[in-house]
């Protein structure tokens, strides 16, 4: 599956290169959901939570794809 970058890609925090290493080593349920909805924040299960942070998941997914590859299809949750 090709990953499509949505119009929500501007939610990256510019210049913030500090991500927890632990979230970029394995596919989490949230990362898998984000991957399969192509980082479309409007379809994200967290979207209704009104969290006060800028989503870093697109960066996490890019790192996961580079380091461990795409998630197993059997793990698809979204």
N, C-alpha and C. Protein backbone atom coordinates (compact mmCIF):
# COMPACT_ATOMS: atom_id res chain seq x y z
N UNK A 1 0.84 -1.18 0.00
CA UNK A 1 0.00 0.00 0.00
C UNK A 1 0.88 1.24 0.00
N UNK A 2 0.64 2.16 -0.90
CA UNK A 2 1.38 3.40 -0.93
C UNK A 2 0.80 4.35 0.10
N UNK A 3 1.66 5.04 0.80
CA UNK A 3 1.22 5.99 1.80
C UNK A 3 0.95 7.32 1.11
N UNK A 4 -0.20 7.89 1.38
CA UNK A 4 -0.58 9.17 0.80
C UNK A 4 -0.48 10.22 1.91
N UNK A 5 0.26 11.28 1.66
CA UNK A 5 0.37 12.34 2.65
C UNK A 5 -0.84 13.25 2.49
N UNK A 6 -1.57 13.42 3.56
CA UNK A 6 -2.79 14.22 3.50
C UNK A 6 -2.48 15.70 3.66
N UNK A 7 -3.51 16.50 3.50
CA UNK A 7 -3.38 17.93 3.68
C UNK A 7 -3.07 18.28 5.13
N UNK A 8 -3.14 17.31 6.04
CA UNK A 8 -2.87 17.56 7.44
C UNK A 8 -1.39 17.43 7.78
N UNK A 9 -0.56 17.25 6.79
CA UNK A 9 0.88 17.09 7.04
C UNK A 9 1.48 18.33 7.68
N UNK A 10 0.82 19.47 7.57
CA UNK A 10 1.33 20.69 8.18
C UNK A 10 1.23 20.64 9.70
N UNK A 11 0.70 19.57 10.26
CA UNK A 11 0.62 19.43 11.70
C UNK A 11 1.95 18.97 12.30
N UNK A 12 2.94 18.72 11.46
CA UNK A 12 4.28 18.44 11.97
C UNK A 12 4.72 19.64 12.80
N UNK A 13 5.41 19.41 13.86
CA UNK A 13 5.97 20.51 14.65
C UNK A 13 7.31 20.88 14.04
N UNK A 14 7.37 21.97 13.28
CA UNK A 14 8.60 22.35 12.59
C UNK A 14 9.76 22.52 13.56
N UNK A 15 10.89 21.94 13.22
CA UNK A 15 12.08 22.12 14.01
C UNK A 15 12.14 21.25 15.26
N UNK A 16 11.10 20.52 15.55
CA UNK A 16 11.09 19.69 16.74
C UNK A 16 11.55 18.29 16.35
N UNK A 17 12.84 18.03 16.51
CA UNK A 17 13.39 16.74 16.13
C UNK A 17 13.48 15.78 17.31
N UNK A 18 12.94 16.17 18.44
CA UNK A 18 13.04 15.33 19.62
C UNK A 18 11.80 14.45 19.75
N UNK A 19 11.97 13.17 19.43
CA UNK A 19 10.90 12.18 19.60
C UNK A 19 11.42 11.10 20.52
N UNK A 20 10.55 10.55 21.30
CA UNK A 20 10.93 9.45 22.16
C UNK A 20 11.36 8.27 21.29
N UNK A 21 12.52 7.73 21.57
CA UNK A 21 13.02 6.61 20.78
C UNK A 21 12.12 5.39 20.91
N UNK A 22 11.46 5.25 22.05
CA UNK A 22 10.63 4.07 22.27
C UNK A 22 9.44 4.00 21.32
N UNK A 23 8.91 5.15 20.88
CA UNK A 23 7.74 5.11 19.99
C UNK A 23 8.12 4.93 18.53
N UNK A 24 9.41 4.86 18.26
CA UNK A 24 9.84 4.68 16.87
C UNK A 24 10.53 3.33 16.66
N UNK A 25 10.33 2.40 17.58
CA UNK A 25 10.95 1.08 17.45
C UNK A 25 9.96 -0.02 17.09
N UNK A 26 8.70 0.17 17.41
CA UNK A 26 7.68 -0.85 17.15
C UNK A 26 6.38 -0.17 16.74
N UNK A 27 5.60 -0.89 15.94
CA UNK A 27 4.30 -0.38 15.53
C UNK A 27 3.32 -0.51 16.71
N UNK A 28 2.78 0.62 17.14
CA UNK A 28 1.75 0.61 18.18
C UNK A 28 0.38 0.59 17.50
N UNK A 29 -0.64 0.32 18.26
CA UNK A 29 -2.00 0.32 17.71
C UNK A 29 -2.34 1.67 17.11
N UNK A 30 -1.95 2.75 17.77
CA UNK A 30 -2.25 4.09 17.26
C UNK A 30 -1.47 4.39 15.98
N UNK A 31 -0.21 3.96 15.93
CA UNK A 31 0.60 4.18 14.73
C UNK A 31 0.03 3.41 13.55
N UNK A 32 -0.43 2.19 13.80
CA UNK A 32 -1.02 1.39 12.74
C UNK A 32 -2.30 2.05 12.22
N UNK A 33 -3.13 2.53 13.13
CA UNK A 33 -4.35 3.23 12.71
C UNK A 33 -3.99 4.42 11.83
N UNK A 34 -3.05 5.23 12.27
CA UNK A 34 -2.66 6.42 11.53
C UNK A 34 -2.11 6.04 10.15
N UNK A 35 -1.31 5.01 10.09
CA UNK A 35 -0.75 4.55 8.82
C UNK A 35 -1.86 4.18 7.83
N UNK A 36 -2.83 3.42 8.29
CA UNK A 36 -3.88 2.94 7.40
C UNK A 36 -4.92 4.00 7.03
N UNK A 37 -4.98 5.10 7.77
CA UNK A 37 -5.88 6.19 7.38
C UNK A 37 -5.08 7.30 6.70
N UNK A 38 -3.82 6.98 6.35
CA UNK A 38 -2.95 7.92 5.62
C UNK A 38 -2.79 9.25 6.35
N UNK A 39 -2.66 9.17 7.66
CA UNK A 39 -2.43 10.36 8.50
C UNK A 39 -3.53 11.42 8.35
N UNK A 40 -4.73 10.97 8.07
CA UNK A 40 -5.87 11.89 7.93
C UNK A 40 -6.46 12.14 9.32
N UNK A 41 -6.09 13.25 9.92
CA UNK A 41 -6.49 13.56 11.30
C UNK A 41 -8.01 13.58 11.48
N UNK A 42 -8.74 13.86 10.42
CA UNK A 42 -10.20 13.89 10.52
C UNK A 42 -10.77 12.50 10.77
N UNK A 43 -10.03 11.45 10.41
CA UNK A 43 -10.50 10.08 10.59
C UNK A 43 -9.87 9.41 11.82
N UNK A 44 -9.02 10.11 12.53
CA UNK A 44 -8.28 9.56 13.66
C UNK A 44 -9.19 9.36 14.87
N UNK A 45 -9.00 8.24 15.57
CA UNK A 45 -9.80 7.97 16.76
C UNK A 45 -9.50 8.95 17.89
N UNK A 46 -8.37 9.62 17.85
CA UNK A 46 -8.03 10.61 18.88
C UNK A 46 -8.57 12.00 18.56
N UNK A 47 -9.09 12.18 17.37
CA UNK A 47 -9.52 13.51 16.93
C UNK A 47 -10.56 14.14 17.84
N UNK A 48 -11.41 13.34 18.42
CA UNK A 48 -12.47 13.87 19.28
C UNK A 48 -11.99 14.11 20.70
N UNK A 49 -10.76 13.82 20.99
CA UNK A 49 -10.23 13.99 22.34
C UNK A 49 -9.83 15.42 22.66
N UNK A 50 -9.72 16.27 21.64
CA UNK A 50 -9.34 17.68 21.82
C UNK A 50 -8.07 17.81 22.65
N UNK A 51 -7.05 17.06 22.28
CA UNK A 51 -5.79 17.10 22.99
C UNK A 51 -5.05 18.39 22.68
N UNK A 52 -4.27 18.85 23.62
CA UNK A 52 -3.57 20.13 23.45
C UNK A 52 -2.11 19.89 23.04
N UNK A 53 -1.91 19.10 22.00
CA UNK A 53 -0.57 18.87 21.49
C UNK A 53 -0.63 18.78 19.98
N UNK A 54 0.50 19.00 19.36
CA UNK A 54 0.60 18.86 17.91
C UNK A 54 0.96 17.41 17.63
N UNK A 55 0.20 16.78 16.79
CA UNK A 55 0.40 15.36 16.49
C UNK A 55 1.76 15.13 15.85
N UNK A 56 2.49 14.19 16.40
CA UNK A 56 3.80 13.81 15.89
C UNK A 56 3.75 12.49 15.12
N UNK A 57 2.55 11.91 15.02
CA UNK A 57 2.43 10.58 14.43
C UNK A 57 2.95 10.49 13.00
N UNK A 58 2.74 11.48 12.13
CA UNK A 58 3.32 11.36 10.78
C UNK A 58 4.84 11.19 10.81
N UNK A 59 5.52 11.89 11.73
CA UNK A 59 6.97 11.73 11.87
C UNK A 59 7.30 10.34 12.38
N UNK A 60 6.51 9.85 13.34
CA UNK A 60 6.74 8.53 13.90
C UNK A 60 6.59 7.48 12.80
N UNK A 61 5.55 7.61 11.99
CA UNK A 61 5.32 6.65 10.91
C UNK A 61 6.45 6.67 9.90
N UNK A 62 6.92 7.85 9.53
CA UNK A 62 8.04 7.94 8.60
C UNK A 62 9.26 7.21 9.16
N UNK A 63 9.53 7.40 10.45
CA UNK A 63 10.67 6.74 11.09
C UNK A 63 10.47 5.23 11.14
N UNK A 64 9.26 4.79 11.50
CA UNK A 64 8.98 3.35 11.54
C UNK A 64 9.14 2.71 10.18
N UNK A 65 8.67 3.37 9.13
CA UNK A 65 8.80 2.83 7.78
C UNK A 65 10.27 2.68 7.40
N UNK A 66 11.11 3.63 7.83
CA UNK A 66 12.54 3.58 7.52
C UNK A 66 13.26 2.51 8.33
N UNK A 67 12.86 2.32 9.59
CA UNK A 67 13.62 1.43 10.47
C UNK A 67 13.10 0.00 10.53
N UNK A 68 11.76 -0.17 10.54
CA UNK A 68 11.22 -1.54 10.67
C UNK A 68 10.33 -1.95 9.51
N UNK A 69 10.05 -1.02 8.60
CA UNK A 69 9.20 -1.35 7.46
C UNK A 69 7.73 -1.20 7.79
N UNK A 70 6.86 -1.47 6.83
CA UNK A 70 5.42 -1.31 7.05
C UNK A 70 4.90 -2.32 8.07
N UNK A 71 3.76 -2.01 8.70
CA UNK A 71 3.21 -2.93 9.68
C UNK A 71 2.68 -4.19 8.99
N UNK A 72 2.59 -5.27 9.77
CA UNK A 72 2.01 -6.51 9.25
C UNK A 72 0.53 -6.29 8.96
N UNK A 73 0.08 -6.78 7.84
CA UNK A 73 -1.33 -6.60 7.46
C UNK A 73 -2.28 -7.21 8.48
N UNK A 74 -1.85 -8.27 9.17
CA UNK A 74 -2.71 -8.91 10.16
C UNK A 74 -3.00 -7.99 11.34
N UNK A 75 -2.15 -6.98 11.55
CA UNK A 75 -2.33 -6.09 12.69
C UNK A 75 -3.23 -4.91 12.39
N UNK A 76 -3.73 -4.81 11.16
CA UNK A 76 -4.54 -3.67 10.77
C UNK A 76 -5.76 -3.54 11.69
N UNK A 77 -5.89 -2.36 12.29
CA UNK A 77 -6.97 -2.13 13.25
C UNK A 77 -7.93 -1.04 12.80
N UNK A 78 -7.54 -0.26 11.82
CA UNK A 78 -8.40 0.86 11.40
C UNK A 78 -9.21 0.49 10.18
